[in-house]
Amino acid sequence: MRAPILALMLSLVAAPAFAASFPCAKAETPDERAICDTRALNDLDVEMGVRFDILKELLPMGNRTKMQEDQEAWLTERRACGADVACLTAAYESRLKLLRGVLSEFAKQGGQ
């Protein structure tokens, strides 16, 4: 039952969208402004938000808490990049690799 929902959600991740996971009109920090001003970073941010939201719904409570803590630590790392697009790109790629792996493992196990 979860497999079709998961497939649908993942198809949404593949579609590029120029809308960060936070309101760009309220972007205050250098990293947020760089994300809003750079299409590639914006797309990575959207993918990050979608994958994070999917996993938040699918993972058991204990794993959700750990994932939330890890995400908050990652956001601190992202902020440290400031407006450095290369640093931000590397931070996103590293975090997304991890989230993709978790989601892939979850899918392999059939959502159990």
N, C-alpha and C. Protein backbone atom coordinates (compact mmCIF):
# COMPACT_ATOMS: atom_id res chain seq x y z
N MET A 1 0.83 -1.20 0.00
CA MET A 1 0.00 0.00 0.00
C MET A 1 0.86 1.26 0.00
N ARG A 2 1.95 1.24 0.79
CA ARG A 2 2.80 2.41 0.86
C ARG A 2 3.65 2.58 -0.41
N ALA A 3 3.92 1.51 -1.11
CA ALA A 3 4.79 1.59 -2.29
C ALA A 3 4.24 2.55 -3.34
N PRO A 4 2.95 2.51 -3.71
CA PRO A 4 2.46 3.48 -4.69
C PRO A 4 2.55 4.92 -4.20
N ILE A 5 2.30 5.14 -2.93
CA ILE A 5 2.39 6.49 -2.38
C ILE A 5 3.84 6.96 -2.43
N LEU A 6 4.74 6.07 -2.04
CA LEU A 6 6.16 6.39 -2.07
C LEU A 6 6.62 6.70 -3.49
N ALA A 7 6.18 5.90 -4.45
CA ALA A 7 6.55 6.14 -5.85
C ALA A 7 6.03 7.49 -6.34
N LEU A 8 4.81 7.83 -5.97
CA LEU A 8 4.24 9.12 -6.35
C LEU A 8 5.04 10.27 -5.74
N MET A 9 5.35 10.16 -4.47
CA MET A 9 6.10 11.21 -3.81
C MET A 9 7.49 11.37 -4.42
N LEU A 10 8.13 10.25 -4.74
CA LEU A 10 9.46 10.32 -5.35
C LEU A 10 9.40 10.93 -6.74
N SER A 11 8.31 10.71 -7.46
CA SER A 11 8.19 11.32 -8.78
C SER A 11 8.10 12.83 -8.67
N LEU A 12 7.53 13.32 -7.58
CA LEU A 12 7.46 14.76 -7.35
C LEU A 12 8.84 15.35 -7.10
N VAL A 13 9.72 14.56 -6.47
CA VAL A 13 11.07 15.01 -6.21
C VAL A 13 11.82 15.24 -7.52
N ALA A 14 11.55 14.42 -8.51
CA ALA A 14 12.26 14.51 -9.78
C ALA A 14 11.89 15.76 -10.57
N ALA A 15 10.74 16.32 -10.30
CA ALA A 15 10.30 17.50 -11.04
C ALA A 15 10.92 18.75 -10.44
N PRO A 16 11.76 19.47 -11.21
CA PRO A 16 12.37 20.66 -10.66
C PRO A 16 11.34 21.75 -10.40
N ALA A 17 11.57 22.47 -9.33
CA ALA A 17 10.67 23.56 -8.96
C ALA A 17 11.50 24.71 -8.41
N PHE A 18 11.16 25.91 -8.80
CA PHE A 18 11.91 27.06 -8.32
C PHE A 18 11.18 27.68 -7.15
N ALA A 19 11.21 26.96 -6.04
CA ALA A 19 10.60 27.44 -4.81
C ALA A 19 11.28 26.72 -3.66
N ALA A 20 12.08 27.44 -2.90
CA ALA A 20 12.80 26.84 -1.79
C ALA A 20 11.82 26.28 -0.75
N SER A 21 12.33 25.46 0.15
CA SER A 21 11.48 24.85 1.17
C SER A 21 11.15 25.84 2.28
N PHE A 22 11.59 27.06 2.14
CA PHE A 22 11.28 28.13 3.08
C PHE A 22 10.89 29.35 2.24
N PRO A 23 10.18 30.31 2.82
CA PRO A 23 9.75 31.46 2.02
C PRO A 23 10.92 32.38 1.66
N CYS A 24 11.24 32.46 0.39
CA CYS A 24 12.36 33.30 -0.06
C CYS A 24 12.15 34.77 0.28
N ALA A 25 10.92 35.20 0.35
CA ALA A 25 10.64 36.59 0.70
C ALA A 25 11.12 36.91 2.11
N LYS A 26 11.27 35.88 2.93
CA LYS A 26 11.72 36.08 4.32
C LYS A 26 13.15 35.60 4.53
N ALA A 27 13.87 35.29 3.44
CA ALA A 27 15.25 34.83 3.56
C ALA A 27 16.09 35.92 4.22
N GLU A 28 16.74 35.57 5.32
CA GLU A 28 17.50 36.56 6.08
C GLU A 28 19.00 36.27 6.11
N THR A 29 19.36 35.01 6.14
CA THR A 29 20.76 34.65 6.29
C THR A 29 21.43 34.52 4.92
N PRO A 30 22.76 34.65 4.87
CA PRO A 30 23.45 34.54 3.58
C PRO A 30 23.18 33.21 2.87
N ASP A 31 23.12 32.10 3.62
CA ASP A 31 22.85 30.81 2.98
C ASP A 31 21.45 30.78 2.38
N GLU A 32 20.46 31.31 3.08
CA GLU A 32 19.09 31.33 2.56
C GLU A 32 18.99 32.19 1.31
N ARG A 33 19.65 33.35 1.32
CA ARG A 33 19.61 34.22 0.15
C ARG A 33 20.30 33.55 -1.05
N ALA A 34 21.42 32.88 -0.80
CA ALA A 34 22.12 32.18 -1.89
C ALA A 34 21.24 31.07 -2.47
N ILE A 35 20.52 30.37 -1.61
CA ILE A 35 19.64 29.29 -2.07
C ILE A 35 18.52 29.86 -2.94
N CYS A 36 17.95 30.96 -2.50
CA CYS A 36 16.86 31.58 -3.27
C CYS A 36 17.35 32.18 -4.58
N ASP A 37 18.60 32.62 -4.62
CA ASP A 37 19.14 33.28 -5.81
C ASP A 37 19.78 32.32 -6.81
N THR A 38 19.97 31.05 -6.42
CA THR A 38 20.68 30.09 -7.26
C THR A 38 19.76 28.91 -7.58
N ARG A 39 19.37 28.81 -8.82
CA ARG A 39 18.40 27.78 -9.24
C ARG A 39 18.81 26.37 -8.80
N ALA A 40 20.07 26.01 -9.01
CA ALA A 40 20.52 24.66 -8.66
C ALA A 40 20.40 24.41 -7.16
N LEU A 41 20.76 25.38 -6.35
CA LEU A 41 20.63 25.23 -4.89
C LEU A 41 19.16 25.18 -4.48
N ASN A 42 18.37 25.99 -5.13
CA ASN A 42 16.94 26.00 -4.86
C ASN A 42 16.35 24.62 -5.12
N ASP A 43 16.71 24.03 -6.24
CA ASP A 43 16.21 22.70 -6.58
C ASP A 43 16.67 21.66 -5.55
N LEU A 44 17.94 21.75 -5.11
CA LEU A 44 18.44 20.83 -4.09
C LEU A 44 17.67 21.02 -2.78
N ASP A 45 17.36 22.26 -2.45
CA ASP A 45 16.61 22.54 -1.23
C ASP A 45 15.20 21.96 -1.30
N VAL A 46 14.57 22.08 -2.45
CA VAL A 46 13.23 21.51 -2.62
C VAL A 46 13.29 19.99 -2.47
N GLU A 47 14.27 19.36 -3.12
CA GLU A 47 14.41 17.90 -2.99
C GLU A 47 14.64 17.52 -1.53
N MET A 48 15.50 18.27 -0.84
CA MET A 48 15.77 18.01 0.56
C MET A 48 14.48 18.07 1.38
N GLY A 49 13.70 19.11 1.17
CA GLY A 49 12.46 19.26 1.91
C GLY A 49 11.48 18.14 1.66
N VAL A 50 11.35 17.74 0.42
CA VAL A 50 10.42 16.67 0.07
C VAL A 50 10.87 15.34 0.68
N ARG A 51 12.14 15.01 0.50
CA ARG A 51 12.64 13.74 1.05
C ARG A 51 12.54 13.72 2.57
N PHE A 52 12.88 14.83 3.19
CA PHE A 52 12.80 14.91 4.65
C PHE A 52 11.35 14.70 5.11
N ASP A 53 10.41 15.36 4.45
CA ASP A 53 9.00 15.21 4.83
C ASP A 53 8.51 13.78 4.62
N ILE A 54 8.92 13.15 3.54
CA ILE A 54 8.53 11.75 3.30
C ILE A 54 9.05 10.87 4.42
N LEU A 55 10.33 11.00 4.72
CA LEU A 55 10.92 10.16 5.76
C LEU A 55 10.31 10.43 7.12
N LYS A 56 9.98 11.67 7.40
CA LYS A 56 9.36 12.01 8.68
C LYS A 56 8.06 11.23 8.86
N GLU A 57 7.33 11.03 7.78
CA GLU A 57 6.06 10.31 7.85
C GLU A 57 6.24 8.79 7.89
N LEU A 58 7.29 8.29 7.26
CA LEU A 58 7.46 6.86 7.12
C LEU A 58 8.23 6.18 8.24
N LEU A 59 9.17 6.89 8.84
CA LEU A 59 10.03 6.27 9.84
C LEU A 59 9.34 6.15 11.19
N PRO A 60 9.73 5.13 11.96
CA PRO A 60 9.20 5.00 13.33
C PRO A 60 9.62 6.19 14.19
N MET A 61 8.92 6.43 15.27
CA MET A 61 9.10 7.62 16.10
C MET A 61 10.57 7.83 16.51
N GLY A 62 11.24 6.83 17.02
CA GLY A 62 12.63 6.98 17.45
C GLY A 62 13.55 7.41 16.33
N ASN A 63 13.33 6.84 15.16
CA ASN A 63 14.14 7.20 13.99
C ASN A 63 13.82 8.62 13.54
N ARG A 64 12.57 9.03 13.68
CA ARG A 64 12.18 10.40 13.30
C ARG A 64 12.91 11.42 14.16
N THR A 65 12.97 11.14 15.45
CA THR A 65 13.65 12.06 16.37
C THR A 65 15.11 12.19 16.00
N LYS A 66 15.77 11.07 15.74
CA LYS A 66 17.18 11.09 15.34
C LYS A 66 17.36 11.83 14.03
N MET A 67 16.48 11.60 13.08
CA MET A 67 16.57 12.27 11.79
C MET A 67 16.39 13.77 11.96
N GLN A 68 15.48 14.20 12.81
CA GLN A 68 15.25 15.62 13.07
C GLN A 68 16.50 16.24 13.69
N GLU A 69 17.11 15.56 14.65
CA GLU A 69 18.32 16.06 15.28
C GLU A 69 19.45 16.18 14.25
N ASP A 70 19.58 15.16 13.40
CA ASP A 70 20.61 15.19 12.35
C ASP A 70 20.36 16.34 11.38
N GLN A 71 19.09 16.58 11.06
CA GLN A 71 18.75 17.66 10.13
C GLN A 71 19.11 19.02 10.74
N GLU A 72 18.84 19.19 12.02
CA GLU A 72 19.18 20.44 12.69
C GLU A 72 20.70 20.66 12.71
N ALA A 73 21.45 19.59 12.93
CA ALA A 73 22.92 19.68 12.89
C ALA A 73 23.37 20.04 11.48
N TRP A 74 22.73 19.45 10.49
CA TRP A 74 23.08 19.75 9.10
C TRP A 74 22.76 21.21 8.77
N LEU A 75 21.65 21.73 9.25
CA LEU A 75 21.31 23.13 9.00
C LEU A 75 22.37 24.08 9.57
N THR A 76 22.94 23.72 10.70
CA THR A 76 24.04 24.50 11.28
C THR A 76 25.24 24.47 10.33
N GLU A 77 25.52 23.28 9.79
CA GLU A 77 26.61 23.13 8.82
C GLU A 77 26.32 23.98 7.57
N ARG A 78 25.08 23.94 7.11
CA ARG A 78 24.72 24.72 5.92
C ARG A 78 24.90 26.21 6.17
N ARG A 79 24.46 26.67 7.33
CA ARG A 79 24.59 28.09 7.66
C ARG A 79 26.05 28.53 7.67
N ALA A 80 26.94 27.64 8.10
CA ALA A 80 28.36 27.95 8.15
C ALA A 80 28.95 28.22 6.76
N CYS A 81 28.28 27.74 5.73
CA CYS A 81 28.74 27.98 4.35
C CYS A 81 28.51 29.44 3.95
N GLY A 82 27.63 30.13 4.62
CA GLY A 82 27.30 31.49 4.21
C GLY A 82 26.76 31.48 2.79
N ALA A 83 27.25 32.39 1.97
CA ALA A 83 26.78 32.50 0.58
C ALA A 83 27.66 31.74 -0.40
N ASP A 84 28.55 30.90 0.09
CA ASP A 84 29.47 30.12 -0.76
C ASP A 84 28.70 29.01 -1.47
N VAL A 85 28.43 29.22 -2.74
CA VAL A 85 27.60 28.28 -3.51
C VAL A 85 28.24 26.89 -3.58
N ALA A 86 29.55 26.82 -3.75
CA ALA A 86 30.23 25.52 -3.82
C ALA A 86 30.09 24.77 -2.49
N CYS A 87 30.26 25.47 -1.39
CA CYS A 87 30.11 24.86 -0.07
C CYS A 87 28.67 24.39 0.15
N LEU A 88 27.72 25.23 -0.20
CA LEU A 88 26.31 24.87 -0.06
C LEU A 88 25.96 23.66 -0.91
N THR A 89 26.46 23.64 -2.14
CA THR A 89 26.19 22.51 -3.04
C THR A 89 26.74 21.22 -2.44
N ALA A 90 27.96 21.27 -1.95
CA ALA A 90 28.57 20.08 -1.34
C ALA A 90 27.78 19.64 -0.11
N ALA A 91 27.33 20.58 0.70
CA ALA A 91 26.56 20.24 1.90
C ALA A 91 25.25 19.55 1.51
N TYR A 92 24.57 20.11 0.51
CA TYR A 92 23.31 19.49 0.05
C TYR A 92 23.56 18.11 -0.53
N GLU A 93 24.57 17.98 -1.37
CA GLU A 93 24.82 16.69 -2.00
C GLU A 93 25.14 15.62 -0.97
N SER A 94 25.89 15.98 0.05
CA SER A 94 26.23 15.03 1.11
C SER A 94 24.98 14.60 1.89
N ARG A 95 24.18 15.57 2.28
CA ARG A 95 22.97 15.26 3.06
C ARG A 95 21.95 14.49 2.22
N LEU A 96 21.79 14.89 0.96
CA LEU A 96 20.84 14.19 0.10
C LEU A 96 21.27 12.76 -0.17
N LYS A 97 22.56 12.52 -0.28
CA LYS A 97 23.05 11.15 -0.48
C LYS A 97 22.60 10.27 0.69
N LEU A 98 22.71 10.82 1.89
CA LEU A 98 22.28 10.08 3.07
C LEU A 98 20.77 9.85 3.06
N LEU A 99 19.99 10.90 2.82
CA LEU A 99 18.53 10.76 2.81
C LEU A 99 18.06 9.83 1.71
N ARG A 100 18.67 9.90 0.54
CA ARG A 100 18.32 8.97 -0.54
C ARG A 100 18.58 7.54 -0.13
N GLY A 101 19.71 7.32 0.55
CA GLY A 101 20.05 5.97 1.00
C GLY A 101 19.06 5.44 2.01
N VAL A 102 18.65 6.28 2.95
CA VAL A 102 17.67 5.86 3.96
C VAL A 102 16.35 5.53 3.28
N LEU A 103 15.93 6.36 2.36
CA LEU A 103 14.67 6.13 1.66
C LEU A 103 14.75 4.87 0.81
N SER A 104 15.88 4.65 0.19
CA SER A 104 16.09 3.44 -0.63
C SER A 104 16.01 2.19 0.24
N GLU A 105 16.67 2.23 1.39
CA GLU A 105 16.62 1.08 2.30
C GLU A 105 15.20 0.83 2.79
N PHE A 106 14.50 1.88 3.09
CA PHE A 106 13.13 1.75 3.54
C PHE A 106 12.28 1.10 2.45
N ALA A 107 12.46 1.53 1.22
CA ALA A 107 11.70 0.98 0.09
C ALA A 107 12.04 -0.49 -0.13
N LYS A 108 13.31 -0.85 0.00
CA LYS A 108 13.74 -2.25 -0.17
C LYS A 108 13.08 -3.16 0.85
N GLN A 109 12.90 -2.62 2.06
CA GLN A 109 12.30 -3.41 3.14
C GLN A 109 10.78 -3.41 3.07
N GLY A 110 10.24 -2.73 2.09
CA GLY A 110 8.79 -2.71 1.92
C GLY A 110 8.08 -1.88 2.96
N GLY A 111 8.79 -0.88 3.50
CA GLY A 111 8.16 0.01 4.45
C GLY A 111 7.97 -0.58 5.82
N GLN A 112 8.69 -1.66 6.13
CA GLN A 112 8.53 -2.31 7.43
C GLN A 112 9.48 -1.77 8.44
